[in-house]
């Protein structure tokens, strides 16, 4: 599966010189503060990363050396129709980073809705991502985008029900064609690199 991944020059150099790259949570600015990595844990990202790793394991993506997943993009649409997904990603990348086009084995990739993943990060129910899947013609609840029956089936105050709703972020087929689709996978291997784009 072709995946685009933004990585630092140091990481790209390591990969291109024959190394297998695993992400280190101590070097992830989303998991730890760059100023004080022992004190400023970002609980939302820890919850999100842990949830994604648990989901990866549940579908058979198991790598004993993975401590946090690698992130990439399966789809990165632009508001400018003249730009490809790759061009849009390159345009949004910081100058110090590089974009890798990878061919990651399909059985090592978990795809999800980038916007929906914010429900996981923030601890919200993911039921407001799209309309009900049922065919009840009643007016839907405007806040949660659900019909009354579906809304009643989920207790918005119960952390267990909220977590159960997160499964919706993996329903890629239900997304619009202009959705951002993120990918997580356990590592990057040199032979997976198709192209390196220097910003």
C-alpha atoms as a PDB file:
ATOM      1  CA  UNK A   1       0.000   0.000   0.000  1.00  0.00           C
ATOM      2  CA  UNK A   2       1.425   3.379  -0.926  1.00  0.00           C
ATOM      3  CA  UNK A   3       1.753   5.638   2.115  1.00  0.00           C
ATOM      4  CA  UNK A   4       3.287   9.099   2.447  1.00  0.00           C
ATOM      5  CA  UNK A   5       5.167   9.787   5.678  1.00  0.00           C
ATOM      6  CA  UNK A   6       6.786  13.005   6.905  1.00  0.00           C
ATOM      7  CA  UNK A   7      10.084  12.343   8.693  1.00  0.00           C
ATOM      8  CA  UNK A   8      13.093  14.332   9.850  1.00  0.00           C
ATOM      9  CA  UNK A   9      16.311  14.372   7.856  1.00  0.00           C
ATOM     10  CA  UNK A  10      18.018  12.311  10.582  1.00  0.00           C
ATOM     11  CA  UNK A  11      15.369   9.596  10.335  1.00  0.00           C
ATOM     12  CA  UNK A  12      15.519   9.569   6.531  1.00  0.00           C
ATOM     13  CA  UNK A  13      19.315   9.287   6.622  1.00  0.00           C
ATOM     14  CA  UNK A  14      19.053   6.339   9.024  1.00  0.00           C
ATOM     15  CA  UNK A  15      16.487   4.586   6.810  1.00  0.00           C
ATOM     16  CA  UNK A  16      18.414   5.204   3.575  1.00  0.00           C
ATOM     17  CA  UNK A  17      21.610   3.791   5.073  1.00  0.00           C
ATOM     18  CA  UNK A  18      19.999   0.418   5.605  1.00  0.00           C
ATOM     19  CA  UNK A  19      18.415   0.888   8.988  1.00  0.00           C
ATOM     20  CA  UNK A  20      14.967  -0.151  10.066  1.00  0.00           C
ATOM     21  CA  UNK A  21      13.272   2.766  11.785  1.00  0.00           C
ATOM     22  CA  UNK A  22      10.997   2.458  14.818  1.00  0.00           C
ATOM     23  CA  UNK A  23       9.429   5.547  16.382  1.00  0.00           C
ATOM     24  CA  UNK A  24      10.579   6.452  19.877  1.00  0.00           C
ATOM     25  CA  UNK A  25       7.880   7.972  22.101  1.00  0.00           C
ATOM     26  CA  UNK A  26      10.530  10.005  23.932  1.00  0.00           C
ATOM     27  CA  UNK A  27      11.228  11.838  20.669  1.00  0.00           C
ATOM     28  CA  UNK A  28       7.600  12.384  19.712  1.00  0.00           C
ATOM     29  CA  UNK A  29       6.512  15.970  20.378  1.00  0.00           C
ATOM     30  CA  UNK A  30       2.901  14.749  20.473  1.00  0.00           C
ATOM     31  CA  UNK A  31       3.579  12.386  23.346  1.00  0.00           C
ATOM     32  CA  UNK A  32       6.051  14.363  25.425  1.00  0.00           C
ATOM     33  CA  UNK A  33       6.919  18.005  25.762  1.00  0.00           C
ATOM     34  CA  UNK A  34      10.177  18.926  24.085  1.00  0.00           C
ATOM     35  CA  UNK A  35      10.980  21.084  27.103  1.00  0.00           C
ATOM     36  CA  UNK A  36      10.501  18.551  29.886  1.00  0.00           C
ATOM     37  CA  UNK A  37       9.793  15.014  28.657  1.00  0.00           C
ATOM     38  CA  UNK A  38       9.436  13.645  32.203  1.00  0.00           C
ATOM     39  CA  UNK A  39       6.735  16.045  33.365  1.00  0.00           C
ATOM     40  CA  UNK A  40       4.540  17.112  30.471  1.00  0.00           C
ATOM     41  CA  UNK A  41       2.872  13.996  29.168  1.00  0.00           C
ATOM     42  CA  UNK A  42       0.121  14.799  26.669  1.00  0.00           C
ATOM     43  CA  UNK A  43      -2.696  12.568  27.908  1.00  0.00           C
ATOM     44  CA  UNK A  44      -4.811  12.934  24.763  1.00  0.00           C
ATOM     45  CA  UNK A  45      -2.042  11.722  22.494  1.00  0.00           C
ATOM     46  CA  UNK A  46      -1.088   8.930  24.893  1.00  0.00           C
ATOM     47  CA  UNK A  47      -4.743   7.794  24.805  1.00  0.00           C
ATOM     48  CA  UNK A  48      -4.812   8.057  21.006  1.00  0.00           C
ATOM     49  CA  UNK A  49      -1.522   6.266  20.400  1.00  0.00           C
ATOM     50  CA  UNK A  50      -2.406   3.522  22.892  1.00  0.00           C
ATOM     51  CA  UNK A  51      -5.810   3.038  21.256  1.00  0.00           C
ATOM     52  CA  UNK A  52      -4.250   2.757  17.795  1.00  0.00           C
ATOM     53  CA  UNK A  53      -1.621   0.268  19.013  1.00  0.00           C
ATOM     54  CA  UNK A  54      -4.320  -1.837  20.699  1.00  0.00           C
ATOM     55  CA  UNK A  55      -6.355  -1.801  17.478  1.00  0.00           C
ATOM     56  CA  UNK A  56      -3.267  -2.767  15.455  1.00  0.00           C
ATOM     57  CA  UNK A  57      -2.634  -5.737  17.745  1.00  0.00           C
ATOM     58  CA  UNK A  58      -6.296  -6.785  17.594  1.00  0.00           C
ATOM     59  CA  UNK A  59      -6.098  -7.120  13.797  1.00  0.00           C
ATOM     60  CA  UNK A  60      -2.765  -8.942  13.853  1.00  0.00           C
ATOM     61  CA  UNK A  61      -0.270  -6.113  13.347  1.00  0.00           C
ATOM     62  CA  UNK A  62       2.204  -7.204  15.993  1.00  0.00           C
ATOM     63  CA  UNK A  63       5.843  -6.175  16.147  1.00  0.00           C
ATOM     64  CA  UNK A  64       7.603  -6.714  19.487  1.00  0.00           C
ATOM     65  CA  UNK A  65      10.011  -3.831  18.801  1.00  0.00           C
ATOM     66  CA  UNK A  66       7.238  -1.255  18.231  1.00  0.00           C
ATOM     67  CA  UNK A  67       6.743   1.085  21.194  1.00  0.00           C
ATOM     68  CA  UNK A  68       4.647   3.602  19.255  1.00  0.00           C
ATOM     69  CA  UNK A  69       3.330   3.487  15.693  1.00  0.00           C
ATOM     70  CA  UNK A  70       4.736   5.341  12.700  1.00  0.00           C
ATOM     71  CA  UNK A  71       2.226   7.764  11.184  1.00  0.00           C
ATOM     72  CA  UNK A  72       1.643   8.500   7.551  1.00  0.00           C
ATOM     73  CA  UNK A  73      -0.978   9.476   5.015  1.00  0.00           C
ATOM     74  CA  UNK A  74      -2.977   7.310   2.650  1.00  0.00           C
ATOM     75  CA  UNK A  75      -4.968  10.323   1.422  1.00  0.00           C
ATOM     76  CA  UNK A  76      -4.073  13.991   1.909  1.00  0.00           C
ATOM     77  CA  UNK A  77      -6.476  15.987  -0.266  1.00  0.00           C
ATOM     78  CA  UNK A  78      -6.054  19.647  -1.058  1.00  0.00           C
ATOM     79  CA  UNK A  79      -8.576  22.444  -1.433  1.00  0.00           C
ATOM     80  CA  UNK A  80      -6.696  23.170  -4.662  1.00  0.00           C
ATOM     81  CA  UNK A  81      -7.857  20.568  -7.206  1.00  0.00           C
ATOM     82  CA  UNK A  82      -4.686  21.090  -9.252  1.00  0.00           C
ATOM     83  CA  UNK A  83      -2.562  19.566  -6.458  1.00  0.00           C
ATOM     84  CA  UNK A  84      -2.103  15.836  -5.976  1.00  0.00           C
ATOM     85  CA  UNK A  85      -2.185  14.410  -2.450  1.00  0.00           C
ATOM     86  CA  UNK A  86       1.613  14.244  -2.509  1.00  0.00           C
ATOM     87  CA  UNK A  87       1.947  17.874  -3.635  1.00  0.00           C
ATOM     88  CA  UNK A  88      -0.495  19.004  -0.927  1.00  0.00           C
ATOM     89  CA  UNK A  89       1.468  17.142   1.752  1.00  0.00           C
ATOM     90  CA  UNK A  90       4.801  18.533   0.540  1.00  0.00           C
ATOM     91  CA  UNK A  91       3.359  22.060   0.581  1.00  0.00           C
ATOM     92  CA  UNK A  92       2.278  21.618   4.219  1.00  0.00           C
ATOM     93  CA  UNK A  93       5.568  20.111   5.407  1.00  0.00           C
ATOM     94  CA  UNK A  94       8.117  22.099   7.424  1.00  0.00           C
ATOM     95  CA  UNK A  95      11.367  22.908   5.630  1.00  0.00           C
ATOM     96  CA  UNK A  96      13.435  20.710   7.940  1.00  0.00           C
ATOM     97  CA  UNK A  97      11.371  17.612   7.165  1.00  0.00           C
ATOM     98  CA  UNK A  98      11.202  15.290   4.179  1.00  0.00           C
ATOM     99  CA  UNK A  99       8.357  13.294   2.661  1.00  0.00           C
ATOM    100  CA  UNK A 100       8.802   9.591   2.022  1.00  0.00           C
ATOM    101  CA  UNK A 101       6.640   7.708  -0.452  1.00  0.00           C
ATOM    102  CA  UNK A 102       6.533   4.180   0.903  1.00  0.00           C
ATOM    103  CA  UNK A 103       5.192   0.841  -0.259  1.00  0.00           C
ATOM    104  CA  UNK A 104       4.231  -0.687   3.080  1.00  0.00           C
ATOM    105  CA  UNK A 105       2.869  -4.253   3.119  1.00  0.00           C
ATOM    106  CA  UNK A 106      -0.927  -4.046   3.357  1.00  0.00           C
ATOM    107  CA  UNK A 107      -1.037  -6.388   6.338  1.00  0.00           C
ATOM    108  CA  UNK A 108       1.052  -3.924   8.385  1.00  0.00           C
ATOM    109  CA  UNK A 109      -1.142  -0.846   7.805  1.00  0.00           C
ATOM    110  CA  UNK A 110      -4.144   0.391   9.780  1.00  0.00           C
ATOM    111  CA  UNK A 111      -6.086   3.184   8.049  1.00  0.00           C
ATOM    112  CA  UNK A 112      -8.375   5.614   9.858  1.00  0.00           C
ATOM    113  CA  UNK A 113     -10.235   8.888   9.516  1.00  0.00           C
ATOM    114  CA  UNK A 114      -7.877  11.689  10.551  1.00  0.00           C
ATOM    115  CA  UNK A 115     -10.720  14.003  11.611  1.00  0.00           C
ATOM    116  CA  UNK A 116     -12.413  11.181  13.511  1.00  0.00           C
ATOM    117  CA  UNK A 117      -9.168  10.414  15.337  1.00  0.00           C
ATOM    118  CA  UNK A 118      -9.602  13.743  17.119  1.00  0.00           C
ATOM    119  CA  UNK A 119     -12.570  12.190  18.952  1.00  0.00           C
ATOM    120  CA  UNK A 120     -10.135   9.633  20.376  1.00  0.00           C
ATOM    121  CA  UNK A 121      -7.588  12.323  21.255  1.00  0.00           C
ATOM    122  CA  UNK A 122     -10.191  14.408  23.052  1.00  0.00           C
ATOM    123  CA  UNK A 123     -12.117  11.535  24.637  1.00  0.00           C
ATOM    124  CA  UNK A 124     -15.339  12.298  22.737  1.00  0.00           C
ATOM    125  CA  UNK A 125     -17.794   9.861  21.183  1.00  0.00           C
ATOM    126  CA  UNK A 126     -17.103   9.313  17.493  1.00  0.00           C
ATOM    127  CA  UNK A 127     -20.787   9.150  16.602  1.00  0.00           C
ATOM    128  CA  UNK A 128     -20.835  12.699  15.292  1.00  0.00           C
ATOM    129  CA  UNK A 129     -18.591  11.803  12.350  1.00  0.00           C
ATOM    130  CA  UNK A 130     -21.343  10.926   9.931  1.00  0.00           C
ATOM    131  CA  UNK A 131     -25.069  10.333   9.837  1.00  0.00           C
ATOM    132  CA  UNK A 132     -26.693   7.230  11.257  1.00  0.00           C
ATOM    133  CA  UNK A 133     -26.266   4.069   9.255  1.00  0.00           C
ATOM    134  CA  UNK A 134     -29.888   3.120   9.923  1.00  0.00           C
ATOM    135  CA  UNK A 135     -32.769   4.126   7.669  1.00  0.00           C
ATOM    136  CA  UNK A 136     -34.971   5.811  10.251  1.00  0.00           C
ATOM    137  CA  UNK A 137     -36.492   8.877   8.548  1.00  0.00           C
ATOM    138  CA  UNK A 138     -36.896  10.842  11.801  1.00  0.00           C
ATOM    139  CA  UNK A 139     -35.075  14.100  12.376  1.00  0.00           C
ATOM    140  CA  UNK A 140     -31.573  13.432  13.655  1.00  0.00           C
ATOM    141  CA  UNK A 141     -30.082  14.942  16.771  1.00  0.00           C
ATOM    142  CA  UNK A 142     -28.158  17.934  15.418  1.00  0.00           C
ATOM    143  CA  UNK A 143     -25.375  17.822  18.000  1.00  0.00           C
ATOM    144  CA  UNK A 144     -24.520  14.132  17.494  1.00  0.00           C
ATOM    145  CA  UNK A 145     -25.857  13.656  13.952  1.00  0.00           C
ATOM    146  CA  UNK A 146     -27.868  10.607  15.040  1.00  0.00           C
ATOM    147  CA  UNK A 147     -31.481   9.529  14.926  1.00  0.00           C
ATOM    148  CA  UNK A 148     -33.187   9.278  18.343  1.00  0.00           C
ATOM    149  CA  UNK A 149     -32.843   5.461  18.480  1.00  0.00           C
ATOM    150  CA  UNK A 150     -29.103   5.510  17.748  1.00  0.00           C
ATOM    151  CA  UNK A 151     -28.544   8.411  20.133  1.00  0.00           C
ATOM    152  CA  UNK A 152     -30.372   6.532  22.898  1.00  0.00           C
ATOM    153  CA  UNK A 153     -28.196   3.442  22.332  1.00  0.00           C
ATOM    154  CA  UNK A 154     -25.039   5.320  23.330  1.00  0.00           C
ATOM    155  CA  UNK A 155     -24.504   6.756  26.786  1.00  0.00           C
ATOM    156  CA  UNK A 156     -22.434   9.885  26.105  1.00  0.00           C
ATOM    157  CA  UNK A 157     -21.319   9.957  29.756  1.00  0.00           C
ATOM    158  CA  UNK A 158     -20.066   6.365  29.885  1.00  0.00           C
ATOM    159  CA  UNK A 159     -16.358   6.083  28.984  1.00  0.00           C
ATOM    160  CA  UNK A 160     -16.975   2.495  27.840  1.00  0.00           C
ATOM    161  CA  UNK A 161     -19.673   3.557  25.367  1.00  0.00           C
ATOM    162  CA  UNK A 162     -17.553   6.455  24.168  1.00  0.00           C
ATOM    163  CA  UNK A 163     -14.601   4.126  23.535  1.00  0.00           C
ATOM    164  CA  UNK A 164     -16.873   1.643  21.705  1.00  0.00           C
ATOM    165  CA  UNK A 165     -17.940   4.455  19.348  1.00  0.00           C
ATOM    166  CA  UNK A 166     -14.335   5.019  18.228  1.00  0.00           C
ATOM    167  CA  UNK A 167     -14.540   1.996  15.947  1.00  0.00           C
ATOM    168  CA  UNK A 168     -16.261   4.339  13.458  1.00  0.00           C
ATOM    169  CA  UNK A 169     -12.934   6.018  12.630  1.00  0.00           C
ATOM    170  CA  UNK A 170     -11.838   2.827  10.829  1.00  0.00           C
ATOM    171  CA  UNK A 171     -14.832   2.827   8.461  1.00  0.00           C
ATOM    172  CA  UNK A 172     -12.856   4.250   5.542  1.00  0.00           C
ATOM    173  CA  UNK A 173     -15.512   3.280   2.973  1.00  0.00           C
ATOM    174  CA  UNK A 174     -18.009   5.638   4.634  1.00  0.00           C
ATOM    175  CA  UNK A 175     -15.755   8.687   4.208  1.00  0.00           C
ATOM    176  CA  UNK A 176     -16.130  11.387   1.578  1.00  0.00           C
ATOM    177  CA  UNK A 177     -13.617  11.378  -1.276  1.00  0.00           C
ATOM    178  CA  UNK A 178     -11.974  14.503   0.155  1.00  0.00           C
ATOM    179  CA  UNK A 179     -11.337  12.989   3.606  1.00  0.00           C
ATOM    180  CA  UNK A 180      -7.888  12.895   5.150  1.00  0.00           C
ATOM    181  CA  UNK A 181      -7.015   9.243   5.723  1.00  0.00           C
ATOM    182  CA  UNK A 182      -4.122   8.554   8.061  1.00  0.00           C
ATOM    183  CA  UNK A 183      -2.118   5.354   8.296  1.00  0.00           C
ATOM    184  CA  UNK A 184      -0.250   3.762  11.182  1.00  0.00           C
ATOM    185  CA  UNK A 185       2.309   1.000  10.801  1.00  0.00           C
ATOM    186  CA  UNK A 186       5.021  -0.471  13.034  1.00  0.00           C
ATOM    187  CA  UNK A 187       8.261   0.506  11.254  1.00  0.00           C
ATOM    188  CA  UNK A 188       9.893   1.770   8.066  1.00  0.00           C
ATOM    189  CA  UNK A 189      12.263  -0.498   6.163  1.00  0.00           C
ATOM    190  CA  UNK A 190      14.704   0.717   3.503  1.00  0.00           C
ATOM    191  CA  UNK A 191      13.209  -1.491   0.787  1.00  0.00           C
ATOM    192  CA  UNK A 192       9.798   0.109   1.310  1.00  0.00           C
ATOM    193  CA  UNK A 193      11.076   3.527   0.181  1.00  0.00           C
ATOM    194  CA  UNK A 194       9.887   4.390  -3.323  1.00  0.00           C
ATOM    195  CA  UNK A 195      10.850   8.046  -3.268  1.00  0.00           C
ATOM    196  CA  UNK A 196      12.292  10.706  -0.955  1.00  0.00           C
ATOM    197  CA  UNK A 197      11.110  14.282  -1.480  1.00  0.00           C
ATOM    198  CA  UNK A 198      13.208  17.074  -0.002  1.00  0.00           C
ATOM    199  CA  UNK A 199      11.144  20.155   0.664  1.00  0.00           C
END
